[in-house]
Amino acid sequence: MSMIRLLLAEDQSMVREALAALLGLEPDIEVVAQVARGDEVLAAAREHGVDVALLDIEMPGMTGIEATAQLRDALPDIKVVVVTTFGRPGYLRRAMESGADAFLVKDAPAAQLAAAVRKVLAGERVIDPTLAAAALADGASPLTEREREVLRIAADGSTNAEIAAALHLSQGTVRNYLSMAIQKMAARNRAEAVRMAREKGWL
């Protein structure tokens, strides 16, 4: 039996260690690398010659979705399983657009995760069915990439001037992007637009 070499990326050490222990019980899976940051995924994958990367979405340094895109560009043969605590349809859509092979919520049983690892190696795609249905019902994000960037920076309380400086835009342009985003989300203000976009997984 050939062993599946797995990389585990999860910033909460207790969750990461529990997942590693559970998946390590599988006769054909070996957890060969563990990282706590998204920006450490690519180097670890290269160093350890992994077959499958199991990535959390919310990580410091880089999100699991960004790390998926990076792996897809640099090491296209590696299969990627994205897991998340947040069953947000927008996350599913963005993960798949980034090249993920599977998308599951984190409270899935270990046997289901192990099965997903085997399936992606066999060339299948695995998607949490409840999330898939919700993603179809929700539709695509109405926000442009620029509107999403502006909202993402606005989320930490940045002023228009700070957003403008960060994105090399004029304050008027930033106001326009914010106004369009608020309008598209049918929100009352930028804080509500940020909250709604986060809940949908669009940020």
N, C-alpha and C. Protein backbone atom coordinates (compact mmCIF):
# COMPACT_ATOMS: atom_id res chain seq x y z
N MET A 1 0.85 -1.19 0.00
CA MET A 1 0.00 0.00 0.00
C MET A 1 0.89 1.25 0.00
N SER A 2 0.67 2.13 -0.98
CA SER A 2 1.49 3.35 -0.99
C SER A 2 0.86 4.39 -0.06
N MET A 3 1.70 5.04 0.71
CA MET A 3 1.22 6.01 1.69
C MET A 3 0.93 7.35 1.03
N ILE A 4 -0.14 7.99 1.47
CA ILE A 4 -0.49 9.34 1.00
C ILE A 4 0.20 10.33 1.93
N ARG A 5 1.06 11.17 1.35
CA ARG A 5 1.81 12.15 2.15
C ARG A 5 0.98 13.43 2.27
N LEU A 6 0.64 13.79 3.52
CA LEU A 6 -0.31 14.88 3.76
C LEU A 6 0.34 16.07 4.48
N LEU A 7 0.02 17.26 4.02
CA LEU A 7 0.41 18.50 4.70
C LEU A 7 -0.83 19.06 5.38
N LEU A 8 -0.69 19.46 6.63
CA LEU A 8 -1.80 19.99 7.41
C LEU A 8 -1.52 21.44 7.77
N ALA A 9 -2.38 22.36 7.33
CA ALA A 9 -2.20 23.79 7.65
C ALA A 9 -3.41 24.28 8.43
N GLU A 10 -3.17 24.62 9.69
CA GLU A 10 -4.24 25.03 10.62
C GLU A 10 -3.59 25.84 11.72
N ASP A 11 -4.11 27.06 11.98
CA ASP A 11 -3.43 27.93 12.94
C ASP A 11 -3.73 27.59 14.39
N GLN A 12 -4.81 26.87 14.68
CA GLN A 12 -5.11 26.51 16.07
C GLN A 12 -4.42 25.17 16.38
N SER A 13 -3.42 25.25 17.25
CA SER A 13 -2.57 24.06 17.46
C SER A 13 -3.36 22.85 17.97
N MET A 14 -4.35 23.08 18.83
CA MET A 14 -5.11 21.96 19.37
C MET A 14 -5.89 21.24 18.26
N VAL A 15 -6.52 22.04 17.39
CA VAL A 15 -7.28 21.47 16.27
C VAL A 15 -6.33 20.75 15.31
N ARG A 16 -5.18 21.39 15.03
CA ARG A 16 -4.21 20.81 14.10
C ARG A 16 -3.69 19.46 14.62
N GLU A 17 -3.36 19.43 15.90
CA GLU A 17 -2.82 18.20 16.48
C GLU A 17 -3.88 17.09 16.52
N ALA A 18 -5.13 17.48 16.80
CA ALA A 18 -6.22 16.49 16.82
C ALA A 18 -6.44 15.91 15.43
N LEU A 19 -6.44 16.80 14.42
CA LEU A 19 -6.62 16.33 13.03
C LEU A 19 -5.46 15.42 12.62
N ALA A 20 -4.24 15.82 12.99
CA ALA A 20 -3.06 15.02 12.64
C ALA A 20 -3.14 13.63 13.29
N ALA A 21 -3.57 13.61 14.55
CA ALA A 21 -3.67 12.33 15.26
C ALA A 21 -4.73 11.43 14.63
N LEU A 22 -5.90 12.03 14.31
CA LEU A 22 -7.00 11.24 13.73
C LEU A 22 -6.65 10.72 12.34
N LEU A 23 -6.10 11.61 11.51
CA LEU A 23 -5.76 11.19 10.14
C LEU A 23 -4.59 10.22 10.14
N GLY A 24 -3.70 10.36 11.14
CA GLY A 24 -2.55 9.46 11.26
C GLY A 24 -2.96 8.03 11.60
N LEU A 25 -4.18 7.86 12.09
CA LEU A 25 -4.68 6.51 12.40
C LEU A 25 -5.07 5.74 11.14
N GLU A 26 -5.28 6.49 10.04
CA GLU A 26 -5.65 5.84 8.77
C GLU A 26 -4.44 5.05 8.25
N PRO A 27 -4.65 3.83 7.77
CA PRO A 27 -3.52 2.97 7.39
C PRO A 27 -2.73 3.50 6.18
N ASP A 28 -3.35 4.35 5.35
CA ASP A 28 -2.69 4.79 4.12
C ASP A 28 -2.36 6.28 4.09
N ILE A 29 -2.50 6.96 5.24
CA ILE A 29 -2.24 8.41 5.29
C ILE A 29 -1.14 8.70 6.31
N GLU A 30 -0.16 9.49 5.88
CA GLU A 30 0.92 9.90 6.79
C GLU A 30 0.98 11.43 6.77
N VAL A 31 0.81 12.06 7.94
CA VAL A 31 0.93 13.52 8.05
C VAL A 31 2.42 13.85 8.13
N VAL A 32 2.99 14.33 7.03
CA VAL A 32 4.43 14.55 6.97
C VAL A 32 4.85 15.98 7.30
N ALA A 33 3.87 16.91 7.31
CA ALA A 33 4.20 18.31 7.63
C ALA A 33 3.00 19.00 8.24
N GLN A 34 3.28 19.89 9.21
CA GLN A 34 2.23 20.70 9.82
C GLN A 34 2.70 22.15 9.87
N VAL A 35 1.84 23.08 9.46
CA VAL A 35 2.17 24.50 9.56
C VAL A 35 0.98 25.25 10.16
N ALA A 36 1.29 26.42 10.75
CA ALA A 36 0.25 27.20 11.42
C ALA A 36 -0.09 28.47 10.65
N ARG A 37 0.62 28.71 9.53
CA ARG A 37 0.41 29.94 8.76
C ARG A 37 0.22 29.61 7.27
N GLY A 38 -0.64 30.41 6.64
CA GLY A 38 -0.88 30.20 5.22
C GLY A 38 0.34 30.45 4.36
N ASP A 39 1.19 31.41 4.79
CA ASP A 39 2.36 31.74 3.97
C ASP A 39 3.51 30.76 4.15
N GLU A 40 3.29 29.70 4.96
CA GLU A 40 4.31 28.65 5.11
C GLU A 40 3.95 27.39 4.32
N VAL A 41 2.77 27.39 3.69
CA VAL A 41 2.27 26.19 3.02
C VAL A 41 3.15 25.76 1.85
N LEU A 42 3.46 26.70 0.96
CA LEU A 42 4.19 26.34 -0.26
C LEU A 42 5.57 25.76 0.05
N ALA A 43 6.31 26.43 0.94
CA ALA A 43 7.66 25.95 1.28
C ALA A 43 7.59 24.55 1.91
N ALA A 44 6.63 24.34 2.79
CA ALA A 44 6.50 23.02 3.45
C ALA A 44 6.11 21.95 2.44
N ALA A 45 5.24 22.30 1.51
CA ALA A 45 4.81 21.34 0.49
C ALA A 45 5.99 20.93 -0.38
N ARG A 46 6.82 21.93 -0.73
CA ARG A 46 8.01 21.63 -1.54
C ARG A 46 9.00 20.74 -0.77
N GLU A 47 9.24 21.13 0.48
CA GLU A 47 10.26 20.44 1.29
C GLU A 47 9.90 18.98 1.55
N HIS A 48 8.61 18.71 1.77
CA HIS A 48 8.22 17.37 2.21
C HIS A 48 7.62 16.50 1.10
N GLY A 49 7.54 17.04 -0.12
CA GLY A 49 7.03 16.25 -1.24
C GLY A 49 5.65 15.67 -0.98
N VAL A 50 4.69 16.55 -0.65
CA VAL A 50 3.36 16.06 -0.25
C VAL A 50 2.47 15.75 -1.46
N ASP A 51 1.52 14.87 -1.23
CA ASP A 51 0.53 14.52 -2.26
C ASP A 51 -0.73 15.37 -2.12
N VAL A 52 -1.10 15.62 -0.86
CA VAL A 52 -2.35 16.35 -0.58
C VAL A 52 -2.09 17.38 0.50
N ALA A 53 -2.65 18.59 0.31
CA ALA A 53 -2.57 19.64 1.34
C ALA A 53 -3.97 19.86 1.90
N LEU A 54 -4.09 19.80 3.21
CA LEU A 54 -5.36 20.04 3.90
C LEU A 54 -5.25 21.41 4.54
N LEU A 55 -6.00 22.39 4.03
CA LEU A 55 -5.82 23.78 4.44
C LEU A 55 -7.06 24.36 5.11
N ASP A 56 -6.83 25.02 6.24
CA ASP A 56 -7.89 25.81 6.87
C ASP A 56 -8.00 27.13 6.09
N ILE A 57 -9.15 27.78 6.14
CA ILE A 57 -9.29 29.06 5.42
C ILE A 57 -8.69 30.21 6.22
N GLU A 58 -9.10 30.34 7.48
CA GLU A 58 -8.68 31.49 8.29
C GLU A 58 -7.32 31.21 8.93
N MET A 59 -6.26 31.77 8.33
CA MET A 59 -4.91 31.60 8.91
C MET A 59 -4.15 32.91 8.80
N PRO A 60 -3.21 33.15 9.72
CA PRO A 60 -2.37 34.35 9.59
C PRO A 60 -1.41 34.22 8.41
N GLY A 61 -0.94 35.35 7.92
CA GLY A 61 0.03 35.34 6.83
C GLY A 61 -0.61 35.26 5.46
N MET A 62 -1.55 34.36 5.31
CA MET A 62 -2.22 34.15 4.03
C MET A 62 -3.41 33.23 4.28
N THR A 63 -4.53 33.49 3.62
CA THR A 63 -5.69 32.61 3.82
C THR A 63 -5.46 31.29 3.10
N GLY A 64 -6.26 30.30 3.49
CA GLY A 64 -6.18 29.01 2.83
C GLY A 64 -6.53 29.11 1.35
N ILE A 65 -7.42 30.05 1.01
CA ILE A 65 -7.80 30.24 -0.40
C ILE A 65 -6.62 30.80 -1.19
N GLU A 66 -5.91 31.77 -0.60
CA GLU A 66 -4.72 32.33 -1.28
C GLU A 66 -3.61 31.28 -1.39
N ALA A 67 -3.45 30.47 -0.35
CA ALA A 67 -2.43 29.41 -0.37
C ALA A 67 -2.78 28.36 -1.42
N THR A 68 -4.09 28.09 -1.60
CA THR A 68 -4.53 27.15 -2.63
C THR A 68 -4.09 27.64 -4.01
N ALA A 69 -4.34 28.94 -4.28
CA ALA A 69 -3.97 29.51 -5.58
C ALA A 69 -2.45 29.43 -5.79
N GLN A 70 -1.70 29.67 -4.72
CA GLN A 70 -0.24 29.63 -4.79
C GLN A 70 0.24 28.20 -5.11
N LEU A 71 -0.34 27.23 -4.44
CA LEU A 71 0.01 25.82 -4.69
C LEU A 71 -0.34 25.42 -6.12
N ARG A 72 -1.51 25.87 -6.55
CA ARG A 72 -1.98 25.52 -7.90
C ARG A 72 -1.00 26.03 -8.96
N ASP A 73 -0.46 27.24 -8.73
CA ASP A 73 0.50 27.82 -9.69
C ASP A 73 1.85 27.12 -9.64
N ALA A 74 2.34 26.88 -8.41
CA ALA A 74 3.72 26.37 -8.26
C ALA A 74 3.83 24.85 -8.31
N LEU A 75 2.85 24.17 -7.72
CA LEU A 75 2.91 22.70 -7.62
C LEU A 75 1.56 22.11 -8.02
N PRO A 76 1.22 22.18 -9.31
CA PRO A 76 -0.14 21.82 -9.75
C PRO A 76 -0.53 20.36 -9.50
N ASP A 77 0.45 19.49 -9.24
CA ASP A 77 0.11 18.07 -9.01
C ASP A 77 -0.42 17.81 -7.61
N ILE A 78 -0.19 18.75 -6.70
CA ILE A 78 -0.67 18.56 -5.32
C ILE A 78 -2.18 18.80 -5.27
N LYS A 79 -2.88 17.88 -4.63
CA LYS A 79 -4.32 18.03 -4.46
C LYS A 79 -4.58 18.86 -3.20
N VAL A 80 -5.62 19.69 -3.25
CA VAL A 80 -5.90 20.58 -2.12
C VAL A 80 -7.31 20.34 -1.57
N VAL A 81 -7.37 20.07 -0.26
CA VAL A 81 -8.65 19.95 0.44
C VAL A 81 -8.75 21.14 1.38
N VAL A 82 -9.78 21.98 1.18
CA VAL A 82 -9.98 23.15 2.04
C VAL A 82 -11.03 22.81 3.08
N VAL A 83 -10.70 23.10 4.35
CA VAL A 83 -11.67 22.88 5.43
C VAL A 83 -11.90 24.21 6.14
N THR A 84 -13.12 24.40 6.62
CA THR A 84 -13.43 25.66 7.29
C THR A 84 -14.44 25.46 8.41
N THR A 85 -14.33 26.30 9.42
CA THR A 85 -15.33 26.32 10.49
C THR A 85 -16.58 27.02 9.97
N PHE A 86 -16.37 27.94 9.03
CA PHE A 86 -17.46 28.80 8.56
C PHE A 86 -18.03 28.26 7.26
N GLY A 87 -19.23 27.71 7.32
CA GLY A 87 -19.85 27.17 6.13
C GLY A 87 -20.46 28.28 5.28
N ARG A 88 -19.61 29.12 4.70
CA ARG A 88 -20.10 30.25 3.92
C ARG A 88 -20.02 29.93 2.43
N PRO A 89 -21.15 30.09 1.73
CA PRO A 89 -21.17 29.74 0.31
C PRO A 89 -20.12 30.49 -0.51
N GLY A 90 -19.87 31.75 -0.16
CA GLY A 90 -18.88 32.54 -0.91
C GLY A 90 -17.48 31.95 -0.78
N TYR A 91 -17.18 31.37 0.39
CA TYR A 91 -15.89 30.72 0.59
C TYR A 91 -15.75 29.52 -0.37
N LEU A 92 -16.83 28.75 -0.48
CA LEU A 92 -16.81 27.59 -1.36
C LEU A 92 -16.52 28.03 -2.80
N ARG A 93 -17.24 29.03 -3.25
CA ARG A 93 -17.06 29.51 -4.62
C ARG A 93 -15.62 29.98 -4.84
N ARG A 94 -15.09 30.77 -3.89
CA ARG A 94 -13.73 31.31 -4.06
C ARG A 94 -12.67 30.21 -3.96
N ALA A 95 -12.91 29.23 -3.09
CA ALA A 95 -11.95 28.12 -2.96
C ALA A 95 -11.89 27.33 -4.27
N MET A 96 -13.04 27.08 -4.87
CA MET A 96 -13.07 26.33 -6.12
C MET A 96 -12.44 27.13 -7.26
N GLU A 97 -12.69 28.46 -7.26
CA GLU A 97 -12.09 29.30 -8.28
C GLU A 97 -10.56 29.32 -8.14
N SER A 98 -10.08 29.14 -6.90
CA SER A 98 -8.62 29.14 -6.66
C SER A 98 -7.98 27.80 -7.00
N GLY A 99 -8.82 26.79 -7.25
CA GLY A 99 -8.27 25.50 -7.66
C GLY A 99 -8.35 24.40 -6.62
N ALA A 100 -9.16 24.59 -5.55
CA ALA A 100 -9.30 23.53 -4.55
C ALA A 100 -9.98 22.30 -5.17
N ASP A 101 -9.60 21.13 -4.68
CA ASP A 101 -10.20 19.88 -5.17
C ASP A 101 -11.34 19.42 -4.27
N ALA A 102 -11.35 19.91 -3.02
CA ALA A 102 -12.41 19.53 -2.08
C ALA A 102 -12.65 20.67 -1.11
N PHE A 103 -13.88 20.76 -0.61
CA PHE A 103 -14.25 21.80 0.34
C PHE A 103 -15.19 21.18 1.36
N LEU A 104 -14.74 21.15 2.62
CA LEU A 104 -15.53 20.52 3.68
C LEU A 104 -15.56 21.40 4.92
N VAL A 105 -16.62 21.28 5.70
CA VAL A 105 -16.64 21.99 6.98
C VAL A 105 -15.84 21.17 7.99
N LYS A 106 -15.25 21.90 8.95
CA LYS A 106 -14.26 21.28 9.84
C LYS A 106 -14.85 20.24 10.78
N ASP A 107 -16.15 20.32 11.03
CA ASP A 107 -16.72 19.34 11.98
C ASP A 107 -17.13 18.04 11.28
N ALA A 108 -16.71 17.88 10.03
CA ALA A 108 -16.95 16.59 9.35
C ALA A 108 -16.17 15.49 10.08
N PRO A 109 -16.71 14.28 10.15
CA PRO A 109 -15.98 13.19 10.83
C PRO A 109 -14.63 12.93 10.16
N ALA A 110 -13.67 12.46 10.94
CA ALA A 110 -12.32 12.20 10.41
C ALA A 110 -12.37 11.21 9.24
N ALA A 111 -13.28 10.24 9.32
CA ALA A 111 -13.39 9.25 8.24
C ALA A 111 -13.80 9.92 6.93
N GLN A 112 -14.63 10.95 7.05
CA GLN A 112 -15.08 11.68 5.85
C GLN A 112 -13.93 12.48 5.25
N LEU A 113 -13.12 13.09 6.13
CA LEU A 113 -11.93 13.82 5.66
C LEU A 113 -10.96 12.87 4.96
N ALA A 114 -10.73 11.72 5.58
CA ALA A 114 -9.82 10.72 5.00
C ALA A 114 -10.34 10.25 3.65
N ALA A 115 -11.65 10.05 3.56
CA ALA A 115 -12.25 9.61 2.29
C ALA A 115 -12.07 10.69 1.23
N ALA A 116 -12.21 11.96 1.65
CA ALA A 116 -12.03 13.07 0.70
C ALA A 116 -10.60 13.11 0.18
N VAL A 117 -9.64 12.86 1.06
CA VAL A 117 -8.22 12.84 0.67
C VAL A 117 -8.00 11.76 -0.40
N ARG A 118 -8.57 10.59 -0.18
CA ARG A 118 -8.41 9.50 -1.16
C ARG A 118 -9.10 9.83 -2.48
N LYS A 119 -10.28 10.43 -2.38
CA LYS A 119 -11.05 10.74 -3.59
C LYS A 119 -10.35 11.78 -4.47
N VAL A 120 -9.79 12.83 -3.84
CA VAL A 120 -9.13 13.86 -4.66
C VAL A 120 -7.89 13.29 -5.35
N LEU A 121 -7.21 12.36 -4.67
CA LEU A 121 -6.06 11.71 -5.30
C LEU A 121 -6.48 10.86 -6.49
N ALA A 122 -7.72 10.37 -6.45
CA ALA A 122 -8.25 9.57 -7.56
C ALA A 122 -8.84 10.46 -8.66
N GLY A 123 -8.70 11.79 -8.46
CA GLY A 123 -9.17 12.71 -9.50
C GLY A 123 -10.59 13.22 -9.32
N GLU A 124 -11.20 12.93 -8.17
CA GLU A 124 -12.58 13.39 -7.93
C GLU A 124 -12.58 14.74 -7.22
N ARG A 125 -13.72 15.41 -7.30
CA ARG A 125 -13.93 16.63 -6.51
C ARG A 125 -14.91 16.30 -5.40
N VAL A 126 -14.66 16.84 -4.21
CA VAL A 126 -15.53 16.55 -3.07
C VAL A 126 -15.99 17.88 -2.48
N ILE A 127 -17.31 18.06 -2.43
CA ILE A 127 -17.86 19.31 -1.90
C ILE A 127 -18.96 18.99 -0.90
N ASP A 128 -18.92 19.67 0.24
CA ASP A 128 -19.97 19.51 1.24
C ASP A 128 -21.32 19.81 0.56
N PRO A 129 -22.24 18.85 0.52
CA PRO A 129 -23.48 19.03 -0.25
C PRO A 129 -24.36 20.19 0.23
N THR A 130 -24.40 20.41 1.54
CA THR A 130 -25.21 21.52 2.07
C THR A 130 -24.68 22.85 1.58
N LEU A 131 -23.35 22.98 1.61
CA LEU A 131 -22.73 24.23 1.15
C LEU A 131 -22.90 24.42 -0.34
N ALA A 132 -22.82 23.33 -1.09
CA ALA A 132 -22.98 23.41 -2.54
C ALA A 132 -24.37 23.96 -2.88
N ALA A 133 -25.38 23.46 -2.17
CA ALA A 133 -26.75 23.92 -2.41
C ALA A 133 -26.89 25.39 -2.05
N ALA A 134 -26.29 25.78 -0.92
CA ALA A 134 -26.37 27.18 -0.48
C ALA A 134 -25.65 28.12 -1.45
N ALA A 135 -24.52 27.66 -2.00
CA ALA A 135 -23.75 28.48 -2.94
C ALA A 135 -24.56 28.72 -4.21
N LEU A 136 -25.26 27.69 -4.66
CA LEU A 136 -26.08 27.84 -5.86
C LEU A 136 -27.24 28.81 -5.60
N ALA A 137 -27.83 28.70 -4.40
CA ALA A 137 -28.96 29.57 -4.07
C ALA A 137 -28.51 31.02 -3.90
N ASP A 138 -27.31 31.20 -3.37
CA ASP A 138 -26.80 32.53 -3.07
C ASP A 138 -26.36 33.31 -4.30
N GLY A 139 -25.90 32.58 -5.30
CA GLY A 139 -25.39 33.24 -6.49
C GLY A 139 -23.99 33.78 -6.27
N ALA A 140 -23.44 34.35 -7.33
CA ALA A 140 -22.07 34.87 -7.26
C ALA A 140 -22.04 36.21 -6.53
N SER A 141 -20.86 36.58 -6.06
CA SER A 141 -20.69 37.88 -5.41
C SER A 141 -20.92 38.99 -6.43
N PRO A 142 -21.70 40.01 -6.05
CA PRO A 142 -21.93 41.14 -6.97
C PRO A 142 -20.76 42.12 -6.97
N LEU A 143 -19.83 41.93 -6.03
CA LEU A 143 -18.74 42.90 -5.86
C LEU A 143 -17.63 42.66 -6.87
N THR A 144 -17.07 43.74 -7.39
CA THR A 144 -15.88 43.62 -8.23
C THR A 144 -14.68 43.37 -7.31
N GLU A 145 -13.56 42.96 -7.89
CA GLU A 145 -12.36 42.71 -7.10
C GLU A 145 -11.93 43.97 -6.36
N ARG A 146 -12.03 45.12 -7.02
CA ARG A 146 -11.63 46.39 -6.41
C ARG A 146 -12.55 46.76 -5.25
N GLU A 147 -13.85 46.57 -5.43
CA GLU A 147 -14.82 46.87 -4.35
C GLU A 147 -14.54 45.96 -3.16
N ARG A 148 -14.18 44.73 -3.43
CA ARG A 148 -13.88 43.79 -2.35
C ARG A 148 -12.61 44.23 -1.61
N GLU A 149 -11.60 44.68 -2.34
CA GLU A 149 -10.36 45.17 -1.72
C GLU A 149 -10.64 46.35 -0.81
N VAL A 150 -11.44 47.29 -1.31
CA VAL A 150 -11.77 48.50 -0.53
C VAL A 150 -12.52 48.12 0.74
N LEU A 151 -13.49 47.23 0.61
CA LEU A 151 -14.26 46.80 1.79
C LEU A 151 -13.37 46.05 2.78
N ARG A 152 -12.46 45.23 2.25
CA ARG A 152 -11.57 44.44 3.12
C ARG A 152 -10.72 45.36 3.99
N ILE A 153 -10.21 46.45 3.40
CA ILE A 153 -9.39 47.39 4.17
C ILE A 153 -10.27 48.22 5.10
N ALA A 154 -11.47 48.56 4.63
CA ALA A 154 -12.41 49.33 5.47
C ALA A 154 -12.81 48.53 6.71
N ALA A 155 -12.74 47.21 6.60
CA ALA A 155 -13.20 46.34 7.69
C ALA A 155 -12.43 46.56 8.99
N ASP A 156 -11.15 46.99 8.89
CA ASP A 156 -10.39 47.19 10.13
C ASP A 156 -10.50 48.63 10.64
N GLY A 157 -11.48 49.38 10.10
CA GLY A 157 -11.72 50.74 10.60
C GLY A 157 -10.91 51.82 9.90
N SER A 158 -10.25 51.46 8.80
CA SER A 158 -9.44 52.45 8.07
C SER A 158 -10.32 53.57 7.50
N THR A 159 -9.78 54.78 7.49
CA THR A 159 -10.49 55.92 6.90
C THR A 159 -10.35 55.86 5.38
N ASN A 160 -11.13 56.71 4.69
CA ASN A 160 -11.03 56.77 3.23
C ASN A 160 -9.61 57.13 2.80
N ALA A 161 -9.00 58.05 3.55
CA ALA A 161 -7.63 58.48 3.22
C ALA A 161 -6.65 57.31 3.35
N GLU A 162 -6.82 56.51 4.40
CA GLU A 162 -5.93 55.35 4.61
C GLU A 162 -6.13 54.28 3.54
N ILE A 163 -7.40 54.07 3.16
CA ILE A 163 -7.70 53.11 2.10
C ILE A 163 -7.09 53.59 0.79
N ALA A 164 -7.25 54.89 0.51
CA ALA A 164 -6.71 55.48 -0.72
C ALA A 164 -5.19 55.30 -0.78
N ALA A 165 -4.52 55.54 0.34
CA ALA A 165 -3.06 55.41 0.38
C ALA A 165 -2.64 53.94 0.17
N ALA A 166 -3.37 53.03 0.80
CA ALA A 166 -3.02 51.61 0.70
C ALA A 166 -3.18 51.08 -0.73
N LEU A 167 -4.18 51.60 -1.44
CA LEU A 167 -4.47 51.07 -2.79
C LEU A 167 -4.01 52.01 -3.90
N HIS A 168 -3.32 53.10 -3.51
CA HIS A 168 -2.84 54.10 -4.49
C HIS A 168 -3.98 54.64 -5.35
N LEU A 169 -5.06 55.02 -4.66
CA LEU A 169 -6.23 55.60 -5.34
C LEU A 169 -6.50 56.96 -4.75
N SER A 170 -7.34 57.74 -5.44
CA SER A 170 -7.75 59.02 -4.85
C SER A 170 -8.88 58.74 -3.86
N GLN A 171 -9.08 59.67 -2.91
CA GLN A 171 -10.14 59.47 -1.92
C GLN A 171 -11.51 59.45 -2.59
N GLY A 172 -11.66 60.23 -3.65
CA GLY A 172 -12.93 60.25 -4.38
C GLY A 172 -13.25 58.89 -4.99
N THR A 173 -12.21 58.26 -5.55
CA THR A 173 -12.40 56.93 -6.14
C THR A 173 -12.77 55.91 -5.07
N VAL A 174 -12.12 56.02 -3.90
CA VAL A 174 -12.44 55.12 -2.78
C VAL A 174 -13.90 55.31 -2.36
N ARG A 175 -14.32 56.58 -2.28
CA ARG A 175 -15.73 56.87 -1.91
C ARG A 175 -16.68 56.21 -2.92
N ASN A 176 -16.32 56.31 -4.20
CA ASN A 176 -17.18 55.72 -5.23
C ASN A 176 -17.27 54.20 -5.09
N TYR A 177 -16.11 53.56 -4.85
CA TYR A 177 -16.12 52.10 -4.69
C TYR A 177 -16.95 51.69 -3.47
N LEU A 178 -16.77 52.42 -2.36
CA LEU A 178 -17.54 52.11 -1.15
C LEU A 178 -19.04 52.30 -1.39
N SER A 179 -19.37 53.39 -2.06
CA SER A 179 -20.77 53.70 -2.35
C SER A 179 -21.40 52.60 -3.21
N MET A 180 -20.66 52.15 -4.23
CA MET A 180 -21.16 51.08 -5.11
C MET A 180 -21.35 49.78 -4.34
N ALA A 181 -20.37 49.46 -3.47
CA ALA A 181 -20.45 48.22 -2.69
C ALA A 181 -21.66 48.26 -1.75
N ILE A 182 -21.84 49.39 -1.09
CA ILE A 182 -22.96 49.55 -0.15
C ILE A 182 -24.29 49.40 -0.90
N GLN A 183 -24.35 50.03 -2.08
CA GLN A 183 -25.55 49.98 -2.91
C GLN A 183 -25.85 48.54 -3.36
N LYS A 184 -24.83 47.84 -3.85
CA LYS A 184 -25.01 46.47 -4.34
C LYS A 184 -25.46 45.53 -3.23
N MET A 185 -24.97 45.79 -2.00
CA MET A 185 -25.31 44.92 -0.88
C MET A 185 -26.64 45.32 -0.24
N ALA A 186 -27.20 46.44 -0.71
CA ALA A 186 -28.41 47.00 -0.10
C ALA A 186 -28.17 47.23 1.40
N ALA A 187 -26.98 47.72 1.72
CA ALA A 187 -26.60 47.97 3.12
C ALA A 187 -26.85 49.45 3.44
N ARG A 188 -26.91 49.75 4.74
CA ARG A 188 -27.15 51.14 5.15
C ARG A 188 -25.86 51.94 5.22
N ASN A 189 -24.74 51.25 5.50
CA ASN A 189 -23.46 51.95 5.62
C ASN A 189 -22.32 50.96 5.39
N ARG A 190 -21.09 51.46 5.48
CA ARG A 190 -19.95 50.58 5.16
C ARG A 190 -19.81 49.43 6.16
N ALA A 191 -20.11 49.70 7.45
CA ALA A 191 -19.97 48.64 8.46
C ALA A 191 -20.93 47.49 8.17
N GLU A 192 -22.15 47.85 7.77
CA GLU A 192 -23.13 46.81 7.46
C GLU A 192 -22.72 46.06 6.18
N ALA A 193 -22.19 46.79 5.21
CA ALA A 193 -21.73 46.15 3.96
C ALA A 193 -20.61 45.15 4.26
N VAL A 194 -19.68 45.54 5.14
CA VAL A 194 -18.58 44.65 5.53
C VAL A 194 -19.14 43.40 6.21
N ARG A 195 -20.05 43.62 7.15
CA ARG A 195 -20.63 42.48 7.89
C ARG A 195 -21.35 41.51 6.94
N MET A 196 -22.15 42.07 6.03
CA MET A 196 -22.92 41.23 5.10
C MET A 196 -21.98 40.46 4.16
N ALA A 197 -20.96 41.15 3.66
CA ALA A 197 -20.01 40.50 2.74
C ALA A 197 -19.24 39.39 3.44
N ARG A 198 -18.90 39.62 4.71
CA ARG A 198 -18.19 38.58 5.48
C ARG A 198 -19.09 37.36 5.70
N GLU A 199 -20.34 37.62 6.03
CA GLU A 199 -21.28 36.50 6.28
C GLU A 199 -21.47 35.64 5.04
N LYS A 200 -21.40 36.27 3.87
CA LYS A 200 -21.56 35.54 2.62
C LYS A 200 -20.26 34.86 2.20
N GLY A 201 -19.14 35.24 2.85
CA GLY A 201 -17.84 34.67 2.46
C GLY A 201 -17.25 35.37 1.24
N TRP A 202 -17.69 36.62 1.00
CA TRP A 202 -17.21 37.36 -0.17
C TRP A 202 -15.97 38.18 0.11
N LEU A 203 -15.59 38.32 1.39
CA LEU A 203 -14.39 39.09 1.72
C LEU A 203 -13.24 38.15 2.05
